[in-house]
Amino acid sequence: MTAGPNYKYYWQDNDKYKKPTMLPAPDYISNVMLWVEGMLNDERVFPSDPAASFPKDFQKIVQNIFKRLFRIYAHIYHHHRDDIKHIGNEENLNSSFRHFMYYTTKYFKTSH
């Protein structure tokens, strides 16, 4: 998984991949999406009970989610932008990315 020659993203989940592992982009993206889904469904991380507390490291967890999602955008823009343009979907990609960046920079300090 890359976003050009200078950015290589390794997958590590401390479960199946205990060490940072280079994966093809489709596998990396699939792992990110499954991992994010698992985090969102984890009551310890995102409690559905309004009386329950969020974990002390909630901001760090969310920053990690955003970082991994940002990497997917970086990959798409670097490797697939022409394909997105070709199918006439660049405006949707740009709009999605703008909303993502607006939200993350407004509510969370992220590092990419």
PDB file of N, CA and C in Angstrom:
ATOM      1  N   MET A   1       0.870  -1.168   0.000  1.00  0.00           N
ATOM      2  CA  MET A   1       0.000   0.000   0.000  1.00  0.00           C
ATOM      3  C   MET A   1       0.908   1.219   0.000  1.00  0.00           C
ATOM      4  N   THR A   2       0.764   2.020  -1.026  1.00  0.00           N
ATOM      5  CA  THR A   2       1.582   3.214  -1.142  1.00  0.00           C
ATOM      6  C   THR A   2       0.737   4.404  -1.590  1.00  0.00           C
ATOM      7  N   ALA A   3       1.337   5.564  -1.453  1.00  0.00           N
ATOM      8  CA  ALA A   3       0.789   6.791  -2.037  1.00  0.00           C
ATOM      9  C   ALA A   3       1.965   7.445  -2.755  1.00  0.00           C
ATOM     10  N   GLY A   4       2.475   6.744  -3.746  1.00  0.00           N
ATOM     11  CA  GLY A   4       3.659   7.198  -4.460  1.00  0.00           C
ATOM     12  C   GLY A   4       4.900   6.559  -3.884  1.00  0.00           C
ATOM     13  N   PRO A   5       6.044   6.856  -4.478  1.00  0.00           N
ATOM     14  CA  PRO A   5       7.285   6.188  -4.066  1.00  0.00           C
ATOM     15  C   PRO A   5       7.789   6.585  -2.679  1.00  0.00           C
ATOM     16  N   ASN A   6       7.343   7.711  -2.166  1.00  0.00           N
ATOM     17  CA  ASN A   6       7.863   8.184  -0.872  1.00  0.00           C
ATOM     18  C   ASN A   6       6.997   7.809   0.323  1.00  0.00           C
ATOM     19  N   TYR A   7       5.825   7.239   0.070  1.00  0.00           N
ATOM     20  CA  TYR A   7       4.914   6.910   1.167  1.00  0.00           C
ATOM     21  C   TYR A   7       4.487   5.456   1.069  1.00  0.00           C
ATOM     22  N   LYS A   8       5.010   4.658   1.983  1.00  0.00           N
ATOM     23  CA  LYS A   8       4.650   3.243   2.068  1.00  0.00           C
ATOM     24  C   LYS A   8       3.954   3.029   3.401  1.00  0.00           C
ATOM     25  N   TYR A   9       2.800   2.387   3.336  1.00  0.00           N
ATOM     26  CA  TYR A   9       2.004   2.168   4.535  1.00  0.00           C
ATOM     27  C   TYR A   9       1.988   0.684   4.862  1.00  0.00           C
ATOM     28  N   TYR A  10       2.373   0.374   6.070  1.00  0.00           N
ATOM     29  CA  TYR A  10       2.442  -1.004   6.533  1.00  0.00           C
ATOM     30  C   TYR A  10       1.261  -1.261   7.462  1.00  0.00           C
ATOM     31  N   TRP A  11       0.723  -2.475   7.400  1.00  0.00           N
ATOM     32  CA  TRP A  11      -0.399  -2.835   8.250  1.00  0.00           C
ATOM     33  C   TRP A  11       0.083  -3.568   9.488  1.00  0.00           C
ATOM     34  N   GLN A  12      -0.472  -3.176  10.637  1.00  0.00           N
ATOM     35  CA  GLN A  12      -0.223  -3.867  11.892  1.00  0.00           C
ATOM     36  C   GLN A  12      -1.499  -3.766  12.715  1.00  0.00           C
ATOM     37  N   ASP A  13      -1.984  -4.890  13.184  1.00  0.00           N
ATOM     38  CA  ASP A  13      -3.189  -4.877  14.005  1.00  0.00           C
ATOM     39  C   ASP A  13      -2.979  -5.573  15.351  1.00  0.00           C
ATOM     40  N   ASN A  14      -1.763  -6.044  15.592  1.00  0.00           N
ATOM     41  CA  ASN A  14      -1.411  -6.754  16.829  1.00  0.00           C
ATOM     42  C   ASN A  14      -2.257  -8.001  17.050  1.00  0.00           C
ATOM     43  N   ASP A  15      -2.875  -8.482  15.984  1.00  0.00           N
ATOM     44  CA  ASP A  15      -3.650  -9.718  16.040  1.00  0.00           C
ATOM     45  C   ASP A  15      -3.073 -10.662  14.995  1.00  0.00           C
ATOM     46  N   LYS A  16      -3.544 -10.539  13.773  1.00  0.00           N
ATOM     47  CA  LYS A  16      -3.012 -11.351  12.684  1.00  0.00           C
ATOM     48  C   LYS A  16      -1.643 -10.831  12.217  1.00  0.00           C
ATOM     49  N   TYR A  17      -1.483  -9.529  12.226  1.00  0.00           N
ATOM     50  CA  TYR A  17      -0.225  -8.887  11.809  1.00  0.00           C
ATOM     51  C   TYR A  17       0.406  -8.219  13.027  1.00  0.00           C
ATOM     52  N   LYS A  18       1.275  -8.956  13.685  1.00  0.00           N
ATOM     53  CA  LYS A  18       1.898  -8.452  14.913  1.00  0.00           C
ATOM     54  C   LYS A  18       3.009  -7.445  14.626  1.00  0.00           C
ATOM     55  N   LYS A  19       3.608  -7.536  13.447  1.00  0.00           N
ATOM     56  CA  LYS A  19       4.656  -6.608  13.030  1.00  0.00           C
ATOM     57  C   LYS A  19       4.163  -5.844  11.809  1.00  0.00           C
ATOM     58  N   PRO A  20       4.644  -4.608  11.618  1.00  0.00           N
ATOM     59  CA  PRO A  20       4.247  -3.869  10.413  1.00  0.00           C
ATOM     60  C   PRO A  20       4.551  -4.692   9.157  1.00  0.00           C
ATOM     61  N   THR A  21       3.529  -4.863   8.314  1.00  0.00           N
ATOM     62  CA  THR A  21       3.623  -5.733   7.149  1.00  0.00           C
ATOM     63  C   THR A  21       3.160  -4.992   5.905  1.00  0.00           C
ATOM     64  N   MET A  22       3.971  -5.034   4.852  1.00  0.00           N
ATOM     65  CA  MET A  22       3.571  -4.422   3.587  1.00  0.00           C
ATOM     66  C   MET A  22       2.536  -5.328   2.931  1.00  0.00           C
ATOM     67  N   LEU A  23       1.389  -4.739   2.607  1.00  0.00           N
ATOM     68  CA  LEU A  23       0.307  -5.466   1.946  1.00  0.00           C
ATOM     69  C   LEU A  23      -0.056  -4.759   0.650  1.00  0.00           C
ATOM     70  N   PRO A  24      -0.602  -5.488  -0.320  1.00  0.00           N
ATOM     71  CA  PRO A  24      -1.157  -4.819  -1.497  1.00  0.00           C
ATOM     72  C   PRO A  24      -2.301  -3.900  -1.049  1.00  0.00           C
ATOM     73  N   ALA A  25      -2.516  -2.830  -1.800  1.00  0.00           N
ATOM     74  CA  ALA A  25      -3.529  -1.842  -1.419  1.00  0.00           C
ATOM     75  C   ALA A  25      -4.901  -2.455  -1.145  1.00  0.00           C
ATOM     76  N   PRO A  26      -5.428  -3.349  -1.994  1.00  0.00           N
ATOM     77  CA  PRO A  26      -6.762  -3.898  -1.684  1.00  0.00           C
ATOM     78  C   PRO A  26      -6.814  -4.602  -0.326  1.00  0.00           C
ATOM     79  N   ASP A  27      -5.749  -5.317   0.029  1.00  0.00           N
ATOM     80  CA  ASP A  27      -5.714  -6.007   1.323  1.00  0.00           C
ATOM     81  C   ASP A  27      -5.595  -5.013   2.473  1.00  0.00           C
ATOM     82  N   TYR A  28      -4.741  -4.014   2.304  1.00  0.00           N
ATOM     83  CA  TYR A  28      -4.583  -2.981   3.330  1.00  0.00           C
ATOM     84  C   TYR A  28      -5.923  -2.284   3.574  1.00  0.00           C
ATOM     85  N   ILE A  29      -6.583  -1.867   2.492  1.00  0.00           N
ATOM     86  CA  ILE A  29      -7.847  -1.146   2.606  1.00  0.00           C
ATOM     87  C   ILE A  29      -8.913  -2.025   3.247  1.00  0.00           C
ATOM     88  N   SER A  30      -8.973  -3.284   2.855  1.00  0.00           N
ATOM     89  CA  SER A  30      -9.925  -4.207   3.458  1.00  0.00           C
ATOM     90  C   SER A  30      -9.669  -4.351   4.956  1.00  0.00           C
ATOM     91  N   ASN A  31      -8.408  -4.471   5.336  1.00  0.00           N
ATOM     92  CA  ASN A  31      -8.060  -4.564   6.757  1.00  0.00           C
ATOM     93  C   ASN A  31      -8.447  -3.298   7.506  1.00  0.00           C
ATOM     94  N   VAL A  32      -8.214  -2.135   6.909  1.00  0.00           N
ATOM     95  CA  VAL A  32      -8.603  -0.878   7.562  1.00  0.00           C
ATOM     96  C   VAL A  32     -10.105  -0.858   7.798  1.00  0.00           C
ATOM     97  N   MET A  33     -10.873  -1.177   6.770  1.00  0.00           N
ATOM     98  CA  MET A  33     -12.331  -1.104   6.897  1.00  0.00           C
ATOM     99  C   MET A  33     -12.862  -2.089   7.936  1.00  0.00           C
ATOM    100  N   LEU A  34     -12.319  -3.299   7.945  1.00  0.00           N
ATOM    101  CA  LEU A  34     -12.743  -4.278   8.955  1.00  0.00           C
ATOM    102  C   LEU A  34     -12.337  -3.837  10.351  1.00  0.00           C
ATOM    103  N   TRP A  35     -11.147  -3.278  10.467  1.00  0.00           N
ATOM    104  CA  TRP A  35     -10.647  -2.807  11.766  1.00  0.00           C
ATOM    105  C   TRP A  35     -11.499  -1.645  12.278  1.00  0.00           C
ATOM    106  N   VAL A  36     -11.806  -0.685  11.398  1.00  0.00           N
ATOM    107  CA  VAL A  36     -12.642   0.452  11.796  1.00  0.00           C
ATOM    108  C   VAL A  36     -14.025  -0.050  12.224  1.00  0.00           C
ATOM    109  N   GLU A  37     -14.601  -0.954  11.448  1.00  0.00           N
ATOM    110  CA  GLU A  37     -15.907  -1.509  11.819  1.00  0.00           C
ATOM    111  C   GLU A  37     -15.851  -2.157  13.205  1.00  0.00           C
ATOM    112  N   GLY A  38     -14.783  -2.894  13.457  1.00  0.00           N
ATOM    113  CA  GLY A  38     -14.613  -3.519  14.766  1.00  0.00           C
ATOM    114  C   GLY A  38     -14.518  -2.492  15.883  1.00  0.00           C
ATOM    115  N   MET A  39     -13.798  -1.403  15.619  1.00  0.00           N
ATOM    116  CA  MET A  39     -13.680  -0.339  16.627  1.00  0.00           C
ATOM    117  C   MET A  39     -15.038   0.303  16.890  1.00  0.00           C
ATOM    118  N   LEU A  40     -15.778   0.605  15.815  1.00  0.00           N
ATOM    119  CA  LEU A  40     -17.088   1.250  15.969  1.00  0.00           C
ATOM    120  C   LEU A  40     -18.082   0.365  16.709  1.00  0.00           C
ATOM    121  N   ASN A  41     -17.949  -0.938  16.556  1.00  0.00           N
ATOM    122  CA  ASN A  41     -18.854  -1.880  17.217  1.00  0.00           C
ATOM    123  C   ASN A  41     -18.393  -2.280  18.613  1.00  0.00           C
ATOM    124  N   ASP A  42     -17.217  -1.827  19.016  1.00  0.00           N
ATOM    125  CA  ASP A  42     -16.666  -2.175  20.326  1.00  0.00           C
ATOM    126  C   ASP A  42     -17.255  -1.234  21.384  1.00  0.00           C
ATOM    127  N   GLU A  43     -18.063  -1.758  22.254  1.00  0.00           N
ATOM    128  CA  GLU A  43     -18.726  -0.960  23.297  1.00  0.00           C
ATOM    129  C   GLU A  43     -17.726  -0.303  24.254  1.00  0.00           C
ATOM    130  N   ARG A  44     -16.536  -0.854  24.368  1.00  0.00           N
ATOM    131  CA  ARG A  44     -15.529  -0.237  25.236  1.00  0.00           C
ATOM    132  C   ARG A  44     -14.960   1.029  24.607  1.00  0.00           C
ATOM    133  N   VAL A  45     -14.982   1.095  23.272  1.00  0.00           N
ATOM    134  CA  VAL A  45     -14.432   2.253  22.563  1.00  0.00           C
ATOM    135  C   VAL A  45     -15.525   3.271  22.258  1.00  0.00           C
ATOM    136  N   PHE A  46     -16.638   2.805  21.699  1.00  0.00           N
ATOM    137  CA  PHE A  46     -17.775   3.656  21.341  1.00  0.00           C
ATOM    138  C   PHE A  46     -19.019   3.138  22.062  1.00  0.00           C
ATOM    139  N   PRO A  47     -19.143   3.488  23.344  1.00  0.00           N
ATOM    140  CA  PRO A  47     -20.285   2.961  24.105  1.00  0.00           C
ATOM    141  C   PRO A  47     -21.611   3.512  23.584  1.00  0.00           C
ATOM    142  N   SER A  48     -22.612   2.641  23.495  1.00  0.00           N
ATOM    143  CA  SER A  48     -23.937   3.074  23.057  1.00  0.00           C
ATOM    144  C   SER A  48     -24.780   3.563  24.236  1.00  0.00           C
ATOM    145  N   ASP A  49     -24.392   3.193  25.426  1.00  0.00           N
ATOM    146  CA  ASP A  49     -25.094   3.638  26.631  1.00  0.00           C
ATOM    147  C   ASP A  49     -24.659   5.070  26.951  1.00  0.00           C
ATOM    148  N   PRO A  50     -25.594   6.025  26.955  1.00  0.00           N
ATOM    149  CA  PRO A  50     -25.226   7.422  27.226  1.00  0.00           C
ATOM    150  C   PRO A  50     -24.577   7.631  28.590  1.00  0.00           C
ATOM    151  N   ALA A  51     -24.820   6.719  29.527  1.00  0.00           N
ATOM    152  CA  ALA A  51     -24.227   6.848  30.860  1.00  0.00           C
ATOM    153  C   ALA A  51     -22.795   6.306  30.906  1.00  0.00           C
ATOM    154  N   ALA A  52     -22.410   5.552  29.899  1.00  0.00           N
ATOM    155  CA  ALA A  52     -21.075   4.944  29.888  1.00  0.00           C
ATOM    156  C   ALA A  52     -20.030   5.984  29.490  1.00  0.00           C
ATOM    157  N   SER A  53     -18.838   5.790  29.972  1.00  0.00           N
ATOM    158  CA  SER A  53     -17.730   6.702  29.664  1.00  0.00           C
ATOM    159  C   SER A  53     -16.933   6.197  28.473  1.00  0.00           C
ATOM    160  N   PHE A  54     -16.390   7.140  27.737  1.00  0.00           N
ATOM    161  CA  PHE A  54     -15.463   6.790  26.666  1.00  0.00           C
ATOM    162  C   PHE A  54     -14.107   6.464  27.304  1.00  0.00           C
ATOM    163  N   PRO A  55     -13.296   5.659  26.634  1.00  0.00           N
ATOM    164  CA  PRO A  55     -11.988   5.317  27.213  1.00  0.00           C
ATOM    165  C   PRO A  55     -11.095   6.554  27.311  1.00  0.00           C
ATOM    166  N   LYS A  56     -10.163   6.505  28.231  1.00  0.00           N
ATOM    167  CA  LYS A  56      -9.243   7.627  28.435  1.00  0.00           C
ATOM    168  C   LYS A  56      -8.426   7.942  27.182  1.00  0.00           C
ATOM    169  N   ASP A  57      -8.128   6.916  26.381  1.00  0.00           N
ATOM    170  CA  ASP A  57      -7.325   7.115  25.169  1.00  0.00           C
ATOM    171  C   ASP A  57      -8.200   7.267  23.914  1.00  0.00           C
ATOM    172  N   PHE A  58      -9.446   7.712  24.088  1.00  0.00           N
ATOM    173  CA  PHE A  58     -10.380   7.825  22.970  1.00  0.00           C
ATOM    174  C   PHE A  58      -9.823   8.697  21.848  1.00  0.00           C
ATOM    175  N   GLN A  59      -9.268   9.846  22.194  1.00  0.00           N
ATOM    176  CA  GLN A  59      -8.749  10.736  21.160  1.00  0.00           C
ATOM    177  C   GLN A  59      -7.633  10.054  20.362  1.00  0.00           C
ATOM    178  N   LYS A  60      -6.772   9.325  21.027  1.00  0.00           N
ATOM    179  CA  LYS A  60      -5.692   8.614  20.340  1.00  0.00           C
ATOM    180  C   LYS A  60      -6.264   7.536  19.411  1.00  0.00           C
ATOM    181  N   ILE A  61      -7.279   6.836  19.865  1.00  0.00           N
ATOM    182  CA  ILE A  61      -7.918   5.802  19.041  1.00  0.00           C
ATOM    183  C   ILE A  61      -8.507   6.429  17.780  1.00  0.00           C
ATOM    184  N   VAL A  62      -9.242   7.525  17.950  1.00  0.00           N
ATOM    185  CA  VAL A  62      -9.875   8.183  16.808  1.00  0.00           C
ATOM    186  C   VAL A  62      -8.815   8.755  15.870  1.00  0.00           C
ATOM    187  N   GLN A  63      -7.747   9.310  16.402  1.00  0.00           N
ATOM    188  CA  GLN A  63      -6.658   9.805  15.554  1.00  0.00           C
ATOM    189  C   GLN A  63      -6.085   8.680  14.702  1.00  0.00           C
ATOM    190  N   ASN A  64      -5.945   7.502  15.272  1.00  0.00           N
ATOM    191  CA  ASN A  64      -5.424   6.362  14.520  1.00  0.00           C
ATOM    192  C   ASN A  64      -6.411   5.934  13.426  1.00  0.00           C
ATOM    193  N   ILE A  65      -7.696   5.965  13.734  1.00  0.00           N
ATOM    194  CA  ILE A  65      -8.708   5.665  12.716  1.00  0.00           C
ATOM    195  C   ILE A  65      -8.589   6.664  11.572  1.00  0.00           C
ATOM    196  N   PHE A  66      -8.546   7.949  11.896  1.00  0.00           N
ATOM    197  CA  PHE A  66      -8.456   8.989  10.867  1.00  0.00           C
ATOM    198  C   PHE A  66      -7.174   8.879  10.057  1.00  0.00           C
ATOM    199  N   LYS A  67      -6.076   8.553  10.728  1.00  0.00           N
ATOM    200  CA  LYS A  67      -4.796   8.409  10.024  1.00  0.00           C
ATOM    201  C   LYS A  67      -4.890   7.310   8.970  1.00  0.00           C
ATOM    202  N   ARG A  68      -5.466   6.193   9.346  1.00  0.00           N
ATOM    203  CA  ARG A  68      -5.567   5.080   8.404  1.00  0.00           C
ATOM    204  C   ARG A  68      -6.527   5.389   7.262  1.00  0.00           C
ATOM    205  N   LEU A  69      -7.624   6.078   7.559  1.00  0.00           N
ATOM    206  CA  LEU A  69      -8.543   6.477   6.493  1.00  0.00           C
ATOM    207  C   LEU A  69      -7.894   7.503   5.564  1.00  0.00           C
ATOM    208  N   PHE A  70      -7.114   8.413   6.126  1.00  0.00           N
ATOM    209  CA  PHE A  70      -6.407   9.394   5.305  1.00  0.00           C
ATOM    210  C   PHE A  70      -5.468   8.699   4.321  1.00  0.00           C
ATOM    211  N   ARG A  71      -4.820   7.659   4.769  1.00  0.00           N
ATOM    212  CA  ARG A  71      -3.901   6.921   3.896  1.00  0.00           C
ATOM    213  C   ARG A  71      -4.628   6.335   2.683  1.00  0.00           C
ATOM    214  N   ILE A  72      -5.862   5.913   2.884  1.00  0.00           N
ATOM    215  CA  ILE A  72      -6.650   5.393   1.755  1.00  0.00           C
ATOM    216  C   ILE A  72      -6.912   6.509   0.752  1.00  0.00           C
ATOM    217  N   TYR A  73      -7.307   7.679   1.253  1.00  0.00           N
ATOM    218  CA  TYR A  73      -7.484   8.816   0.346  1.00  0.00           C
ATOM    219  C   TYR A  73      -6.183   9.122  -0.392  1.00  0.00           C
ATOM    220  N   ALA A  74      -5.065   9.127   0.313  1.00  0.00           N
ATOM    221  CA  ALA A  74      -3.768   9.426  -0.318  1.00  0.00           C
ATOM    222  C   ALA A  74      -3.478   8.433  -1.436  1.00  0.00           C
ATOM    223  N   HIS A  75      -3.741   7.165  -1.182  1.00  0.00           N
ATOM    224  CA  HIS A  75      -3.523   6.138  -2.197  1.00  0.00           C
ATOM    225  C   HIS A  75      -4.419   6.384  -3.413  1.00  0.00           C
ATOM    226  N   ILE A  76      -5.692   6.638  -3.161  1.00  0.00           N
ATOM    227  CA  ILE A  76      -6.635   6.864  -4.267  1.00  0.00           C
ATOM    228  C   ILE A  76      -6.201   8.064  -5.093  1.00  0.00           C
ATOM    229  N   TYR A  77      -5.877   9.161  -4.433  1.00  0.00           N
ATOM    230  CA  TYR A  77      -5.483  10.362  -5.176  1.00  0.00           C
ATOM    231  C   TYR A  77      -4.197  10.131  -5.967  1.00  0.00           C
ATOM    232  N   HIS A  78      -3.254   9.421  -5.393  1.00  0.00           N
ATOM    233  CA  HIS A  78      -1.983   9.242  -6.096  1.00  0.00           C
ATOM    234  C   HIS A  78      -2.068   8.215  -7.228  1.00  0.00           C
ATOM    235  N   HIS A  79      -2.754   7.124  -6.981  1.00  0.00           N
ATOM    236  CA  HIS A  79      -2.733   6.019  -7.946  1.00  0.00           C
ATOM    237  C   HIS A  79      -3.980   5.900  -8.830  1.00  0.00           C
ATOM    238  N   HIS A  80      -5.090   6.477  -8.428  1.00  0.00           N
ATOM    239  CA  HIS A  80      -6.341   6.220  -9.143  1.00  0.00           C
ATOM    240  C   HIS A  80      -7.111   7.476  -9.544  1.00  0.00           C
ATOM    241  N   ARG A  81      -6.504   8.628  -9.378  1.00  0.00           N
ATOM    242  CA  ARG A  81      -7.233   9.865  -9.680  1.00  0.00           C
ATOM    243  C   ARG A  81      -7.689   9.928 -11.137  1.00  0.00           C
ATOM    244  N   ASP A  82      -6.832   9.523 -12.062  1.00  0.00           N
ATOM    245  CA  ASP A  82      -7.222   9.538 -13.476  1.00  0.00           C
ATOM    246  C   ASP A  82      -8.410   8.609 -13.732  1.00  0.00           C
ATOM    247  N   ASP A  83      -8.430   7.458 -13.063  1.00  0.00           N
ATOM    248  CA  ASP A  83      -9.563   6.537 -13.205  1.00  0.00           C
ATOM    249  C   ASP A  83     -10.846   7.170 -12.666  1.00  0.00           C
ATOM    250  N   ILE A  84     -10.732   7.853 -11.541  1.00  0.00           N
ATOM    251  CA  ILE A  84     -11.886   8.519 -10.936  1.00  0.00           C
ATOM    252  C   ILE A  84     -12.401   9.619 -11.883  1.00  0.00           C
ATOM    253  N   LYS A  85     -11.469  10.365 -12.459  1.00  0.00           N
ATOM    254  CA  LYS A  85     -11.851  11.404 -13.436  1.00  0.00           C
ATOM    255  C   LYS A  85     -12.549  10.760 -14.631  1.00  0.00           C
ATOM    256  N   HIS A  86     -11.984   9.671 -15.119  1.00  0.00           N
ATOM    257  CA  HIS A  86     -12.500   8.994 -16.303  1.00  0.00           C
ATOM    258  C   HIS A  86     -13.963   8.552 -16.131  1.00  0.00           C
ATOM    259  N   ILE A  87     -14.303   8.112 -14.942  1.00  0.00           N
ATOM    260  CA  ILE A  87     -15.688   7.671 -14.711  1.00  0.00           C
ATOM    261  C   ILE A  87     -16.587   8.829 -14.264  1.00  0.00           C
ATOM    262  N   GLY A  88     -16.027  10.037 -14.242  1.00  0.00           N
ATOM    263  CA  GLY A  88     -16.823  11.217 -13.914  1.00  0.00           C
ATOM    264  C   GLY A  88     -17.183  11.347 -12.452  1.00  0.00           C
ATOM    265  N   ASN A  89     -16.308  10.860 -11.581  1.00  0.00           N
ATOM    266  CA  ASN A  89     -16.622  10.865 -10.153  1.00  0.00           C
ATOM    267  C   ASN A  89     -15.659  11.709  -9.332  1.00  0.00           C
ATOM    268  N   GLU A  90     -14.875  12.544  -9.975  1.00  0.00           N
ATOM    269  CA  GLU A  90     -13.886  13.339  -9.239  1.00  0.00           C
ATOM    270  C   GLU A  90     -14.541  14.300  -8.251  1.00  0.00           C
ATOM    271  N   GLU A  91     -15.650  14.903  -8.634  1.00  0.00           N
ATOM    272  CA  GLU A  91     -16.322  15.839  -7.726  1.00  0.00           C
ATOM    273  C   GLU A  91     -16.771  15.142  -6.446  1.00  0.00           C
ATOM    274  N   ASN A  92     -17.262  13.925  -6.564  1.00  0.00           N
ATOM    275  CA  ASN A  92     -17.684  13.185  -5.370  1.00  0.00           C
ATOM    276  C   ASN A  92     -16.496  12.839  -4.485  1.00  0.00           C
ATOM    277  N   LEU A  93     -15.397  12.416  -5.095  1.00  0.00           N
ATOM    278  CA  LEU A  93     -14.189  12.112  -4.320  1.00  0.00           C
ATOM    279  C   LEU A  93     -13.706  13.362  -3.601  1.00  0.00           C
ATOM    280  N   ASN A  94     -13.628  14.470  -4.332  1.00  0.00           N
ATOM    281  CA  ASN A  94     -13.144  15.712  -3.726  1.00  0.00           C
ATOM    282  C   ASN A  94     -14.064  16.178  -2.601  1.00  0.00           C
ATOM    283  N   SER A  95     -15.360  16.068  -2.806  1.00  0.00           N
ATOM    284  CA  SER A  95     -16.313  16.473  -1.773  1.00  0.00           C
ATOM    285  C   SER A  95     -16.166  15.597  -0.528  1.00  0.00           C
ATOM    286  N   SER A  96     -16.050  14.300  -0.735  1.00  0.00           N
ATOM    287  CA  SER A  96     -15.867  13.371   0.381  1.00  0.00           C
ATOM    288  C   SER A  96     -14.589  13.699   1.149  1.00  0.00           C
ATOM    289  N   PHE A  97     -13.518  13.944   0.409  1.00  0.00           N
ATOM    290  CA  PHE A  97     -12.236  14.241   1.057  1.00  0.00           C
ATOM    291  C   PHE A  97     -12.294  15.572   1.808  1.00  0.00           C
ATOM    292  N   ARG A  98     -12.923  16.584   1.208  1.00  0.00           N
ATOM    293  CA  ARG A  98     -13.048  17.884   1.890  1.00  0.00           C
ATOM    294  C   ARG A  98     -13.818  17.738   3.199  1.00  0.00           C
ATOM    295  N   HIS A  99     -14.921  16.996   3.173  1.00  0.00           N
ATOM    296  CA  HIS A  99     -15.689  16.802   4.405  1.00  0.00           C
ATOM    297  C   HIS A  99     -14.871  16.038   5.450  1.00  0.00           C
ATOM    298  N   PHE A 100     -14.174  15.020   4.999  1.00  0.00           N
ATOM    299  CA  PHE A 100     -13.317  14.246   5.908  1.00  0.00           C
ATOM    300  C   PHE A 100     -12.274  15.152   6.567  1.00  0.00           C
ATOM    301  N   MET A 101     -11.585  15.949   5.759  1.00  0.00           N
ATOM    302  CA  MET A 101     -10.534  16.824   6.286  1.00  0.00           C
ATOM    303  C   MET A 101     -11.109  17.924   7.175  1.00  0.00           C
ATOM    304  N   TYR A 102     -12.232  18.478   6.776  1.00  0.00           N
ATOM    305  CA  TYR A 102     -12.854  19.513   7.593  1.00  0.00           C
ATOM    306  C   TYR A 102     -13.185  18.953   8.974  1.00  0.00           C
ATOM    307  N   TYR A 103     -13.821  17.805   9.021  1.00  0.00           N
ATOM    308  CA  TYR A 103     -14.212  17.214  10.291  1.00  0.00           C
ATOM    309  C   TYR A 103     -12.994  16.869  11.145  1.00  0.00           C
ATOM    310  N   THR A 104     -12.017  16.216  10.542  1.00  0.00           N
ATOM    311  CA  THR A 104     -10.861  15.786  11.332  1.00  0.00           C
ATOM    312  C   THR A 104     -10.065  16.965  11.861  1.00  0.00           C
ATOM    313  N   THR A 105      -9.917  18.010  11.058  1.00  0.00           N
ATOM    314  CA  THR A 105      -9.125  19.157  11.527  1.00  0.00           C
ATOM    315  C   THR A 105      -9.916  20.037  12.490  1.00  0.00           C
ATOM    316  N   LYS A 106     -11.226  20.018  12.391  1.00  0.00           N
ATOM    317  CA  LYS A 106     -12.043  20.825  13.310  1.00  0.00           C
ATOM    318  C   LYS A 106     -12.135  20.178  14.687  1.00  0.00           C
ATOM    319  N   TYR A 107     -12.306  18.882  14.720  1.00  0.00           N
ATOM    320  CA  TYR A 107     -12.579  18.220  15.996  1.00  0.00           C
ATOM    321  C   TYR A 107     -11.425  17.395  16.569  1.00  0.00           C
ATOM    322  N   PHE A 108     -10.436  17.090  15.751  1.00  0.00           N
ATOM    323  CA  PHE A 108      -9.323  16.269  16.241  1.00  0.00           C
ATOM    324  C   PHE A 108      -8.022  16.772  15.628  1.00  0.00           C
ATOM    325  N   LYS A 109      -6.992  16.746  16.425  1.00  0.00           N
ATOM    326  CA  LYS A 109      -5.672  17.031  15.877  1.00  0.00           C
ATOM    327  C   LYS A 109      -5.121  15.707  15.386  1.00  0.00           C
ATOM    328  N   THR A 110      -4.857  15.639  14.081  1.00  0.00           N
ATOM    329  CA  THR A 110      -4.410  14.366  13.523  1.00  0.00           C
ATOM    330  C   THR A 110      -2.991  14.484  13.010  1.00  0.00           C
ATOM    331  N   SER A 111      -2.343  13.355  12.925  1.00  0.00           N
ATOM    332  CA  SER A 111      -1.044  13.279  12.249  1.00  0.00           C
ATOM    333  C   SER A 111      -1.177  12.216  11.188  1.00  0.00           C
ATOM    334  N   HIS A 112      -0.629  12.483  10.033  1.00  0.00           N
ATOM    335  CA  HIS A 112      -0.778  11.570   8.895  1.00  0.00           C
ATOM    336  C   HIS A 112       0.495  10.808   8.742  1.00  0.00           C
TER     337      HIS A 112
END
